Amino acid sequence: TLEPYLKKLTDVSTTDKYINIIAPIVHLLDLIWRHSRYYHEPKNFKRLLRHLSTLVVSSAHRFVGHQILSNTERAFTNLKHALKLCAKFRGCYLDKKEKSTDCDSALIPLL
């Protein structure tokens, strides 16, 4: 189940820990796509992806913070980390999609 990983995703405090969580989540997404009747429907799988993407963006937003203009150097570093988080999720997802050998798995919808 994804729940423990999604909880970790919302509780992560550093980018390194966050990046280590992404690959297992994407692997679970692949397993869900392959073995679930409900989530094998593209509209249902896209809903799951949208929810996960929202969590990723929320995590990135937490790393950036609210007052980004008060310290520009720190804001720049935080923005780089936030972009790295989003890129890691997208990269892992696209890698898994590309490496899939199962015919049905190759049909995993894009975001």
PDB file of N, CA and C in Angstrom:
ATOM      1  N   THR A   1       0.826  -1.190   0.000  1.00  0.00           N
ATOM      2  CA  THR A   1       0.000   0.000   0.000  1.00  0.00           C
ATOM      3  C   THR A   1       0.870   1.254   0.000  1.00  0.00           C
ATOM      4  N   LEU A   2       0.326   2.289  -0.529  1.00  0.00           N
ATOM      5  CA  LEU A   2       1.057   3.555  -0.645  1.00  0.00           C
ATOM      6  C   LEU A   2       1.025   4.393   0.626  1.00  0.00           C
ATOM      7  N   GLU A   3       0.093   4.135   1.506  1.00  0.00           N
ATOM      8  CA  GLU A   3      -0.120   5.010   2.662  1.00  0.00           C
ATOM      9  C   GLU A   3       1.135   5.294   3.491  1.00  0.00           C
ATOM     10  N   PRO A   4       1.936   4.291   3.870  1.00  0.00           N
ATOM     11  CA  PRO A   4       3.130   4.618   4.664  1.00  0.00           C
ATOM     12  C   PRO A   4       4.104   5.534   3.918  1.00  0.00           C
ATOM     13  N   TYR A   5       4.218   5.318   2.622  1.00  0.00           N
ATOM     14  CA  TYR A   5       5.130   6.156   1.837  1.00  0.00           C
ATOM     15  C   TYR A   5       4.585   7.575   1.689  1.00  0.00           C
ATOM     16  N   LEU A   6       3.282   7.694   1.520  1.00  0.00           N
ATOM     17  CA  LEU A   6       2.694   9.025   1.404  1.00  0.00           C
ATOM     18  C   LEU A   6       2.825   9.781   2.721  1.00  0.00           C
ATOM     19  N   LYS A   7       2.701   9.066   3.828  1.00  0.00           N
ATOM     20  CA  LYS A   7       2.900   9.710   5.144  1.00  0.00           C
ATOM     21  C   LYS A   7       4.343  10.189   5.277  1.00  0.00           C
ATOM     22  N   LYS A   8       5.291   9.338   4.859  1.00  0.00           N
ATOM     23  CA  LYS A   8       6.702   9.740   4.892  1.00  0.00           C
ATOM     24  C   LYS A   8       6.927  10.958   4.014  1.00  0.00           C
ATOM     25  N   LEU A   9       6.261  10.984   2.869  1.00  0.00           N
ATOM     26  CA  LEU A   9       6.419  12.089   1.932  1.00  0.00           C
ATOM     27  C   LEU A   9       5.986  13.407   2.561  1.00  0.00           C
ATOM     28  N   THR A  10       4.938  13.373   3.362  1.00  0.00           N
ATOM     29  CA  THR A  10       4.471  14.611   3.987  1.00  0.00           C
ATOM     30  C   THR A  10       5.276  14.978   5.222  1.00  0.00           C
ATOM     31  N   ASP A  11       5.990  14.000   5.820  1.00  0.00           N
ATOM     32  CA  ASP A  11       6.748  14.262   7.045  1.00  0.00           C
ATOM     33  C   ASP A  11       8.236  14.516   6.819  1.00  0.00           C
ATOM     34  N   VAL A  12       8.697  14.373   5.597  1.00  0.00           N
ATOM     35  CA  VAL A  12      10.129  14.489   5.307  1.00  0.00           C
ATOM     36  C   VAL A  12      10.610  15.910   5.567  1.00  0.00           C
ATOM     37  N   SER A  13      11.825  16.007   6.145  1.00  0.00           N
ATOM     38  CA  SER A  13      12.355  17.329   6.477  1.00  0.00           C
ATOM     39  C   SER A  13      13.583  17.714   5.650  1.00  0.00           C
ATOM     40  N   THR A  14      14.200  16.757   4.954  1.00  0.00           N
ATOM     41  CA  THR A  14      15.367  17.083   4.131  1.00  0.00           C
ATOM     42  C   THR A  14      15.172  16.542   2.719  1.00  0.00           C
ATOM     43  N   THR A  15      15.839  17.172   1.782  1.00  0.00           N
ATOM     44  CA  THR A  15      15.692  16.757   0.393  1.00  0.00           C
ATOM     45  C   THR A  15      16.292  15.381   0.143  1.00  0.00           C
ATOM     46  N   ASP A  16      17.358  15.029   0.838  1.00  0.00           N
ATOM     47  CA  ASP A  16      17.968  13.714   0.635  1.00  0.00           C
ATOM     48  C   ASP A  16      17.014  12.593   1.040  1.00  0.00           C
ATOM     49  N   LYS A  17      16.350  12.753   2.159  1.00  0.00           N
ATOM     50  CA  LYS A  17      15.382  11.748   2.595  1.00  0.00           C
ATOM     51  C   LYS A  17      14.217  11.672   1.613  1.00  0.00           C
ATOM     52  N   TYR A  18      13.796  12.814   1.138  1.00  0.00           N
ATOM     53  CA  TYR A  18      12.693  12.880   0.188  1.00  0.00           C
ATOM     54  C   TYR A  18      13.047  12.118  -1.091  1.00  0.00           C
ATOM     55  N   ILE A  19      14.227  12.353  -1.591  1.00  0.00           N
ATOM     56  CA  ILE A  19      14.649  11.724  -2.846  1.00  0.00           C
ATOM     57  C   ILE A  19      14.717  10.210  -2.689  1.00  0.00           C
ATOM     58  N   ASN A  20      15.072   9.727  -1.502  1.00  0.00           N
ATOM     59  CA  ASN A  20      15.127   8.283  -1.271  1.00  0.00           C
ATOM     60  C   ASN A  20      13.742   7.646  -1.227  1.00  0.00           C
ATOM     61  N   ILE A  21      12.702   8.418  -0.993  1.00  0.00           N
ATOM     62  CA  ILE A  21      11.342   7.896  -0.919  1.00  0.00           C
ATOM     63  C   ILE A  21      10.701   7.800  -2.302  1.00  0.00           C
ATOM     64  N   ILE A  22      11.134   8.636  -3.221  1.00  0.00           N
ATOM     65  CA  ILE A  22      10.472   8.738  -4.522  1.00  0.00           C
ATOM     66  C   ILE A  22      10.529   7.438  -5.329  1.00  0.00           C
ATOM     67  N   ALA A  23      11.684   6.811  -5.430  1.00  0.00           N
ATOM     68  CA  ALA A  23      11.812   5.601  -6.256  1.00  0.00           C
ATOM     69  C   ALA A  23      10.877   4.473  -5.786  1.00  0.00           C
ATOM     70  N   PRO A  24      10.788   4.182  -4.477  1.00  0.00           N
ATOM     71  CA  PRO A  24       9.835   3.147  -4.054  1.00  0.00           C
ATOM     72  C   PRO A  24       8.379   3.505  -4.352  1.00  0.00           C
ATOM     73  N   ILE A  25       8.045   4.779  -4.253  1.00  0.00           N
ATOM     74  CA  ILE A  25       6.673   5.200  -4.556  1.00  0.00           C
ATOM     75  C   ILE A  25       6.363   4.960  -6.027  1.00  0.00           C
ATOM     76  N   VAL A  26       7.290   5.310  -6.895  1.00  0.00           N
ATOM     77  CA  VAL A  26       7.072   5.112  -8.332  1.00  0.00           C
ATOM     78  C   VAL A  26       7.006   3.618  -8.653  1.00  0.00           C
ATOM     79  N   HIS A  27       7.812   2.817  -7.979  1.00  0.00           N
ATOM     80  CA  HIS A  27       7.749   1.374  -8.182  1.00  0.00           C
ATOM     81  C   HIS A  27       6.373   0.842  -7.760  1.00  0.00           C
ATOM     82  N   LEU A  28       5.856   1.328  -6.639  1.00  0.00           N
ATOM     83  CA  LEU A  28       4.521   0.922  -6.208  1.00  0.00           C
ATOM     84  C   LEU A  28       3.456   1.362  -7.196  1.00  0.00           C
ATOM     85  N   LEU A  29       3.616   2.535  -7.782  1.00  0.00           N
ATOM     86  CA  LEU A  29       2.674   2.982  -8.814  1.00  0.00           C
ATOM     87  C   LEU A  29       2.654   2.002  -9.986  1.00  0.00           C
ATOM     88  N   ASP A  30       3.826   1.546 -10.384  1.00  0.00           N
ATOM     89  CA  ASP A  30       3.915   0.581 -11.477  1.00  0.00           C
ATOM     90  C   ASP A  30       3.201  -0.719 -11.100  1.00  0.00           C
ATOM     91  N   LEU A  31       3.416  -1.193  -9.883  1.00  0.00           N
ATOM     92  CA  LEU A  31       2.748  -2.421  -9.437  1.00  0.00           C
ATOM     93  C   LEU A  31       1.233  -2.243  -9.370  1.00  0.00           C
ATOM     94  N   ILE A  32       0.815  -1.072  -8.915  1.00  0.00           N
ATOM     95  CA  ILE A  32      -0.621  -0.787  -8.856  1.00  0.00           C
ATOM     96  C   ILE A  32      -1.210  -0.803 -10.258  1.00  0.00           C
ATOM     97  N   TRP A  33      -0.538  -0.185 -11.211  1.00  0.00           N
ATOM     98  CA  TRP A  33      -1.011  -0.155 -12.597  1.00  0.00           C
ATOM     99  C   TRP A  33      -1.118  -1.567 -13.163  1.00  0.00           C
ATOM    100  N   ARG A  34      -0.133  -2.390 -12.877  1.00  0.00           N
ATOM    101  CA  ARG A  34      -0.107  -3.738 -13.450  1.00  0.00           C
ATOM    102  C   ARG A  34      -1.133  -4.680 -12.827  1.00  0.00           C
ATOM    103  N   HIS A  35      -1.394  -4.548 -11.528  1.00  0.00           N
ATOM    104  CA  HIS A  35      -2.158  -5.572 -10.825  1.00  0.00           C
ATOM    105  C   HIS A  35      -3.528  -5.146 -10.313  1.00  0.00           C
ATOM    106  N   SER A  36      -3.858  -3.901 -10.395  1.00  0.00           N
ATOM    107  CA  SER A  36      -5.148  -3.440  -9.894  1.00  0.00           C
ATOM    108  C   SER A  36      -6.126  -3.265 -11.047  1.00  0.00           C
ATOM    109  N   ARG A  37      -7.286  -3.864 -10.909  1.00  0.00           N
ATOM    110  CA  ARG A  37      -8.314  -3.669 -11.943  1.00  0.00           C
ATOM    111  C   ARG A  37      -8.822  -2.229 -11.934  1.00  0.00           C
ATOM    112  N   TYR A  38      -9.023  -1.709 -10.740  1.00  0.00           N
ATOM    113  CA  TYR A  38      -9.570  -0.360 -10.624  1.00  0.00           C
ATOM    114  C   TYR A  38      -8.597   0.684 -11.175  1.00  0.00           C
ATOM    115  N   TYR A  39      -7.345   0.628 -10.743  1.00  0.00           N
ATOM    116  CA  TYR A  39      -6.375   1.642 -11.167  1.00  0.00           C
ATOM    117  C   TYR A  39      -5.779   1.361 -12.546  1.00  0.00           C
ATOM    118  N   HIS A  40      -6.146   0.244 -13.153  1.00  0.00           N
ATOM    119  CA  HIS A  40      -5.691  -0.005 -14.521  1.00  0.00           C
ATOM    120  C   HIS A  40      -6.507   0.811 -15.526  1.00  0.00           C
ATOM    121  N   GLU A  41      -7.590   1.366 -15.065  1.00  0.00           N
ATOM    122  CA  GLU A  41      -8.355   2.308 -15.890  1.00  0.00           C
ATOM    123  C   GLU A  41      -7.594   3.638 -15.899  1.00  0.00           C
ATOM    124  N   PRO A  42      -7.278   4.173 -17.080  1.00  0.00           N
ATOM    125  CA  PRO A  42      -6.485   5.419 -17.127  1.00  0.00           C
ATOM    126  C   PRO A  42      -7.061   6.566 -16.308  1.00  0.00           C
ATOM    127  N   LYS A  43      -8.393   6.728 -16.303  1.00  0.00           N
ATOM    128  CA  LYS A  43      -8.954   7.864 -15.545  1.00  0.00           C
ATOM    129  C   LYS A  43      -8.710   7.701 -14.044  1.00  0.00           C
ATOM    130  N   ASN A  44      -8.780   6.478 -13.541  1.00  0.00           N
ATOM    131  CA  ASN A  44      -8.543   6.245 -12.113  1.00  0.00           C
ATOM    132  C   ASN A  44      -7.060   6.375 -11.766  1.00  0.00           C
ATOM    133  N   PHE A  45      -6.208   5.878 -12.659  1.00  0.00           N
ATOM    134  CA  PHE A  45      -4.777   5.992 -12.419  1.00  0.00           C
ATOM    135  C   PHE A  45      -4.331   7.453 -12.473  1.00  0.00           C
ATOM    136  N   LYS A  46      -4.894   8.205 -13.388  1.00  0.00           N
ATOM    137  CA  LYS A  46      -4.559   9.635 -13.479  1.00  0.00           C
ATOM    138  C   LYS A  46      -4.976  10.366 -12.210  1.00  0.00           C
ATOM    139  N   ARG A  47      -6.088   9.963 -11.621  1.00  0.00           N
ATOM    140  CA  ARG A  47      -6.535  10.579 -10.369  1.00  0.00           C
ATOM    141  C   ARG A  47      -5.512  10.312  -9.261  1.00  0.00           C
ATOM    142  N   LEU A  48      -5.011   9.082  -9.207  1.00  0.00           N
ATOM    143  CA  LEU A  48      -3.984   8.730  -8.233  1.00  0.00           C
ATOM    144  C   LEU A  48      -2.706   9.537  -8.487  1.00  0.00           C
ATOM    145  N   LEU A  49      -2.313   9.667  -9.748  1.00  0.00           N
ATOM    146  CA  LEU A  49      -1.123  10.453 -10.091  1.00  0.00           C
ATOM    147  C   LEU A  49      -1.288  11.925  -9.724  1.00  0.00           C
ATOM    148  N   ARG A  50      -2.479  12.458  -9.968  1.00  0.00           N
ATOM    149  CA  ARG A  50      -2.725  13.857  -9.607  1.00  0.00           C
ATOM    150  C   ARG A  50      -2.608  14.056  -8.099  1.00  0.00           C
ATOM    151  N   HIS A  51      -3.151  13.124  -7.339  1.00  0.00           N
ATOM    152  CA  HIS A  51      -3.051  13.218  -5.878  1.00  0.00           C
ATOM    153  C   HIS A  51      -1.587  13.170  -5.438  1.00  0.00           C
ATOM    154  N   LEU A  52      -0.835  12.245  -5.989  1.00  0.00           N
ATOM    155  CA  LEU A  52       0.576  12.128  -5.646  1.00  0.00           C
ATOM    156  C   LEU A  52       1.353  13.367  -6.093  1.00  0.00           C
ATOM    157  N   SER A  53       1.033  13.874  -7.261  1.00  0.00           N
ATOM    158  CA  SER A  53       1.702  15.089  -7.748  1.00  0.00           C
ATOM    159  C   SER A  53       1.418  16.276  -6.840  1.00  0.00           C
ATOM    160  N   THR A  54       0.208  16.355  -6.342  1.00  0.00           N
ATOM    161  CA  THR A  54      -0.141  17.425  -5.408  1.00  0.00           C
ATOM    162  C   THR A  54       0.685  17.319  -4.133  1.00  0.00           C
ATOM    163  N   LEU A  55       0.883  16.097  -3.651  1.00  0.00           N
ATOM    164  CA  LEU A  55       1.728  15.905  -2.465  1.00  0.00           C
ATOM    165  C   LEU A  55       3.176  16.299  -2.739  1.00  0.00           C
ATOM    166  N   VAL A  56       3.671  15.986  -3.923  1.00  0.00           N
ATOM    167  CA  VAL A  56       5.038  16.350  -4.290  1.00  0.00           C
ATOM    168  C   VAL A  56       5.178  17.870  -4.331  1.00  0.00           C
ATOM    169  N   VAL A  57       4.225  18.532  -4.958  1.00  0.00           N
ATOM    170  CA  VAL A  57       4.282  19.997  -5.044  1.00  0.00           C
ATOM    171  C   VAL A  57       4.148  20.620  -3.659  1.00  0.00           C
ATOM    172  N   SER A  58       3.304  20.063  -2.812  1.00  0.00           N
ATOM    173  CA  SER A  58       3.161  20.571  -1.443  1.00  0.00           C
ATOM    174  C   SER A  58       4.465  20.420  -0.664  1.00  0.00           C
ATOM    175  N   SER A  59       5.133  19.292  -0.858  1.00  0.00           N
ATOM    176  CA  SER A  59       6.427  19.084  -0.194  1.00  0.00           C
ATOM    177  C   SER A  59       7.449  20.094  -0.692  1.00  0.00           C
ATOM    178  N   ALA A  60       7.468  20.316  -1.988  1.00  0.00           N
ATOM    179  CA  ALA A  60       8.391  21.304  -2.553  1.00  0.00           C
ATOM    180  C   ALA A  60       8.078  22.693  -2.017  1.00  0.00           C
ATOM    181  N   HIS A  61       6.807  23.002  -1.886  1.00  0.00           N
ATOM    182  CA  HIS A  61       6.397  24.305  -1.350  1.00  0.00           C
ATOM    183  C   HIS A  61       6.876  24.481   0.090  1.00  0.00           C
ATOM    184  N   ARG A  62       6.825  23.407   0.879  1.00  0.00           N
ATOM    185  CA  ARG A  62       7.319  23.487   2.257  1.00  0.00           C
ATOM    186  C   ARG A  62       8.810  23.781   2.292  1.00  0.00           C
ATOM    187  N   PHE A  63       9.568  23.206   1.354  1.00  0.00           N
ATOM    188  CA  PHE A  63      11.009  23.461   1.329  1.00  0.00           C
ATOM    189  C   PHE A  63      11.309  24.913   0.956  1.00  0.00           C
ATOM    190  N   VAL A  64      10.487  25.487   0.105  1.00  0.00           N
ATOM    191  CA  VAL A  64      10.716  26.877  -0.313  1.00  0.00           C
ATOM    192  C   VAL A  64      10.394  27.833   0.824  1.00  0.00           C
ATOM    193  N   GLY A  65       9.292  27.602   1.511  1.00  0.00           N
ATOM    194  CA  GLY A  65       8.903  28.485   2.601  1.00  0.00           C
ATOM    195  C   GLY A  65       8.018  29.616   2.109  1.00  0.00           C
ATOM    196  N   HIS A  66       7.612  30.465   3.041  1.00  0.00           N
ATOM    197  CA  HIS A  66       6.672  31.535   2.717  1.00  0.00           C
ATOM    198  C   HIS A  66       7.353  32.864   2.410  1.00  0.00           C
ATOM    199  N   GLN A  67       8.443  33.153   3.067  1.00  0.00           N
ATOM    200  CA  GLN A  67       9.074  34.463   2.904  1.00  0.00           C
ATOM    201  C   GLN A  67      10.353  34.318   2.076  1.00  0.00           C
ATOM    202  N   ILE A  68      10.168  34.090   0.807  1.00  0.00           N
ATOM    203  CA  ILE A  68      11.336  33.830  -0.036  1.00  0.00           C
ATOM    204  C   ILE A  68      12.115  35.100  -0.375  1.00  0.00           C
ATOM    205  N   LEU A  69      11.499  36.236  -0.241  1.00  0.00           N
ATOM    206  CA  LEU A  69      12.196  37.476  -0.603  1.00  0.00           C
ATOM    207  C   LEU A  69      12.997  38.074   0.548  1.00  0.00           C
ATOM    208  N   SER A  70      12.867  37.534   1.739  1.00  0.00           N
ATOM    209  CA  SER A  70      13.593  38.100   2.878  1.00  0.00           C
ATOM    210  C   SER A  70      15.086  37.759   2.828  1.00  0.00           C
ATOM    211  N   ASN A  71      15.440  36.615   2.313  1.00  0.00           N
ATOM    212  CA  ASN A  71      16.840  36.207   2.187  1.00  0.00           C
ATOM    213  C   ASN A  71      16.997  35.551   0.812  1.00  0.00           C
ATOM    214  N   THR A  72      17.499  36.304  -0.135  1.00  0.00           N
ATOM    215  CA  THR A  72      17.506  35.837  -1.523  1.00  0.00           C
ATOM    216  C   THR A  72      18.435  34.646  -1.751  1.00  0.00           C
ATOM    217  N   GLU A  73      19.582  34.616  -1.071  1.00  0.00           N
ATOM    218  CA  GLU A  73      20.496  33.482  -1.262  1.00  0.00           C
ATOM    219  C   GLU A  73      19.882  32.192  -0.733  1.00  0.00           C
ATOM    220  N   ARG A  74      19.267  32.279   0.423  1.00  0.00           N
ATOM    221  CA  ARG A  74      18.604  31.097   0.980  1.00  0.00           C
ATOM    222  C   ARG A  74      17.414  30.698   0.110  1.00  0.00           C
ATOM    223  N   ALA A  75      16.689  31.686  -0.387  1.00  0.00           N
ATOM    224  CA  ALA A  75      15.546  31.412  -1.258  1.00  0.00           C
ATOM    225  C   ALA A  75      15.993  30.711  -2.534  1.00  0.00           C
ATOM    226  N   PHE A  76      17.110  31.149  -3.097  1.00  0.00           N
ATOM    227  CA  PHE A  76      17.647  30.526  -4.305  1.00  0.00           C
ATOM    228  C   PHE A  76      17.988  29.058  -4.042  1.00  0.00           C
ATOM    229  N   THR A  77      18.643  28.789  -2.930  1.00  0.00           N
ATOM    230  CA  THR A  77      18.991  27.414  -2.566  1.00  0.00           C
ATOM    231  C   THR A  77      17.738  26.574  -2.355  1.00  0.00           C
ATOM    232  N   ASN A  78      16.759  27.132  -1.647  1.00  0.00           N
ATOM    233  CA  ASN A  78      15.515  26.401  -1.394  1.00  0.00           C
ATOM    234  C   ASN A  78      14.747  26.125  -2.681  1.00  0.00           C
ATOM    235  N   LEU A  79      14.747  27.085  -3.601  1.00  0.00           N
ATOM    236  CA  LEU A  79      14.078  26.875  -4.885  1.00  0.00           C
ATOM    237  C   LEU A  79      14.766  25.780  -5.700  1.00  0.00           C
ATOM    238  N   LYS A  80      16.097  25.752  -5.644  1.00  0.00           N
ATOM    239  CA  LYS A  80      16.830  24.683  -6.338  1.00  0.00           C
ATOM    240  C   LYS A  80      16.452  23.320  -5.769  1.00  0.00           C
ATOM    241  N   HIS A  81      16.349  23.236  -4.455  1.00  0.00           N
ATOM    242  CA  HIS A  81      15.957  21.975  -3.815  1.00  0.00           C
ATOM    243  C   HIS A  81      14.534  21.578  -4.218  1.00  0.00           C
ATOM    244  N   ALA A  82      13.629  22.550  -4.239  1.00  0.00           N
ATOM    245  CA  ALA A  82      12.242  22.266  -4.611  1.00  0.00           C
ATOM    246  C   ALA A  82      12.156  21.765  -6.052  1.00  0.00           C
ATOM    247  N   LEU A  83      12.890  22.396  -6.946  1.00  0.00           N
ATOM    248  CA  LEU A  83      12.899  21.946  -8.337  1.00  0.00           C
ATOM    249  C   LEU A  83      13.514  20.561  -8.474  1.00  0.00           C
ATOM    250  N   LYS A  84      14.522  20.293  -7.664  1.00  0.00           N
ATOM    251  CA  LYS A  84      15.164  18.978  -7.670  1.00  0.00           C
ATOM    252  C   LYS A  84      14.169  17.898  -7.240  1.00  0.00           C
ATOM    253  N   LEU A  85      13.342  18.209  -6.246  1.00  0.00           N
ATOM    254  CA  LEU A  85      12.341  17.256  -5.777  1.00  0.00           C
ATOM    255  C   LEU A  85      11.339  16.923  -6.877  1.00  0.00           C
ATOM    256  N   CYS A  86      10.822  17.952  -7.517  1.00  0.00           N
ATOM    257  CA  CYS A  86       9.842  17.738  -8.582  1.00  0.00           C
ATOM    258  C   CYS A  86      10.468  16.998  -9.765  1.00  0.00           C
ATOM    259  N   ALA A  87      11.691  17.357 -10.107  1.00  0.00           N
ATOM    260  CA  ALA A  87      12.377  16.702 -11.220  1.00  0.00           C
ATOM    261  C   ALA A  87      12.660  15.236 -10.914  1.00  0.00           C
ATOM    262  N   LYS A  88      12.976  14.928  -9.670  1.00  0.00           N
ATOM    263  CA  LYS A  88      13.238  13.540  -9.280  1.00  0.00           C
ATOM    264  C   LYS A  88      11.980  12.693  -9.443  1.00  0.00           C
ATOM    265  N   PHE A  89      10.848  13.217  -9.006  1.00  0.00           N
ATOM    266  CA  PHE A  89       9.592  12.482  -9.151  1.00  0.00           C
ATOM    267  C   PHE A  89       9.273  12.251 -10.630  1.00  0.00           C
ATOM    268  N   ARG A  90       9.344  13.296 -11.407  1.00  0.00           N
ATOM    269  CA  ARG A  90       9.037  13.177 -12.834  1.00  0.00           C
ATOM    270  C   ARG A  90      10.018  12.245 -13.521  1.00  0.00           C
ATOM    271  N   GLY A  91      11.298  12.376 -13.200  1.00  0.00           N
ATOM    272  CA  GLY A  91      12.320  11.528 -13.808  1.00  0.00           C
ATOM    273  C   GLY A  91      12.131  10.059 -13.472  1.00  0.00           C
ATOM    274  N   CYS A  92      11.852   9.758 -12.212  1.00  0.00           N
ATOM    275  CA  CYS A  92      11.612   8.360 -11.804  1.00  0.00           C
ATOM    276  C   CYS A  92      10.387   7.802 -12.515  1.00  0.00           C
ATOM    277  N   TYR A  93       9.353   8.608 -12.611  1.00  0.00           N
ATOM    278  CA  TYR A  93       8.126   8.155 -13.272  1.00  0.00           C
ATOM    279  C   TYR A  93       8.379   7.862 -14.749  1.00  0.00           C
ATOM    280  N   LEU A  94       9.052   8.774 -15.423  1.00  0.00           N
ATOM    281  CA  LEU A  94       9.313   8.579 -16.853  1.00  0.00           C
ATOM    282  C   LEU A  94      10.274   7.424 -17.093  1.00  0.00           C
ATOM    283  N   ASP A  95      11.266   7.248 -16.210  1.00  0.00           N
ATOM    284  CA  ASP A  95      12.180   6.102 -16.332  1.00  0.00           C
ATOM    285  C   ASP A  95      11.425   4.792 -16.196  1.00  0.00           C
ATOM    286  N   LYS A  96      10.552   4.713 -15.212  1.00  0.00           N
ATOM    287  CA  LYS A  96       9.769   3.487 -14.993  1.00  0.00           C
ATOM    288  C   LYS A  96       8.858   3.229 -16.187  1.00  0.00           C
ATOM    289  N   LYS A  97       8.281   4.279 -16.721  1.00  0.00           N
ATOM    290  CA  LYS A  97       7.392   4.143 -17.872  1.00  0.00           C
ATOM    291  C   LYS A  97       8.169   3.638 -19.086  1.00  0.00           C
ATOM    292  N   GLU A  98       9.356   4.165 -19.279  1.00  0.00           N
ATOM    293  CA  GLU A  98      10.178   3.794 -20.428  1.00  0.00           C
ATOM    294  C   GLU A  98      10.710   2.366 -20.310  1.00  0.00           C
ATOM    295  N   LYS A  99      11.097   1.951 -19.108  1.00  0.00           N
ATOM    296  CA  LYS A  99      11.704   0.640 -18.914  1.00  0.00           C
ATOM    297  C   LYS A  99      10.694  -0.499 -18.856  1.00  0.00           C
ATOM    298  N   SER A 100       9.438  -0.157 -18.800  1.00  0.00           N
ATOM    299  CA  SER A 100       8.421  -1.189 -18.699  1.00  0.00           C
ATOM    300  C   SER A 100       8.464  -2.110 -19.909  1.00  0.00           C
ATOM    301  N   THR A 101       8.425  -3.394 -19.639  1.00  0.00           N
ATOM    302  CA  THR A 101       8.448  -4.359 -20.733  1.00  0.00           C
ATOM    303  C   THR A 101       7.079  -4.943 -20.998  1.00  0.00           C
ATOM    304  N   ASP A 102       6.203  -4.871 -20.028  1.00  0.00           N
ATOM    305  CA  ASP A 102       4.849  -5.383 -20.185  1.00  0.00           C
ATOM    306  C   ASP A 102       4.084  -4.468 -21.137  1.00  0.00           C
ATOM    307  N   CYS A 103       3.330  -5.058 -22.057  1.00  0.00           N
ATOM    308  CA  CYS A 103       2.571  -4.265 -23.037  1.00  0.00           C
ATOM    309  C   CYS A 103       1.612  -3.301 -22.344  1.00  0.00           C
ATOM    310  N   ASP A 104       0.868  -3.792 -21.359  1.00  0.00           N
ATOM    311  CA  ASP A 104      -0.067  -2.924 -20.648  1.00  0.00           C
ATOM    312  C   ASP A 104       0.670  -1.862 -19.851  1.00  0.00           C
ATOM    313  N   SER A 105       1.818  -2.228 -19.317  1.00  0.00           N
ATOM    314  CA  SER A 105       2.562  -1.282 -18.511  1.00  0.00           C
ATOM    315  C   SER A 105       3.076  -0.133 -19.360  1.00  0.00           C
ATOM    316  N   ALA A 106       3.334  -0.406 -20.630  1.00  0.00           N
ATOM    317  CA  ALA A 106       3.801   0.654 -21.528  1.00  0.00           C
ATOM    318  C   ALA A 106       2.726   1.691 -21.772  1.00  0.00           C
ATOM    319  N   LEU A 107       1.506   1.381 -21.404  1.00  0.00           N
ATOM    320  CA  LEU A 107       0.408   2.318 -21.599  1.00  0.00           C
ATOM    321  C   LEU A 107       0.157   3.205 -20.390  1.00  0.00           C
ATOM    322  N   ILE A 108       1.052   3.145 -19.389  1.00  0.00           N
ATOM    323  CA  ILE A 108       0.866   3.987 -18.208  1.00  0.00           C
ATOM    324  C   ILE A 108       0.716   5.429 -18.661  1.00  0.00           C
ATOM    325  N   PRO A 109      -0.372   6.070 -18.263  1.00  0.00           N
ATOM    326  CA  PRO A 109      -0.621   7.433 -18.745  1.00  0.00           C
ATOM    327  C   PRO A 109       0.360   8.450 -18.177  1.00  0.00           C
ATOM    328  N   LEU A 110       0.619   9.466 -18.944  1.00  0.00           N
ATOM    329  CA  LEU A 110       1.432  10.580 -18.478  1.00  0.00           C
ATOM    330  C   LEU A 110       0.564  11.515 -17.649  1.00  0.00           C
ATOM    331  N   LEU A 111       1.224  12.347 -16.874  1.00  0.00           N
ATOM    332  CA  LEU A 111       0.484  13.327 -16.064  1.00  0.00           C
ATOM    333  C   LEU A 111      -0.147  14.358 -16.942  1.00  0.00           C
TER     334      LEU A 111
END
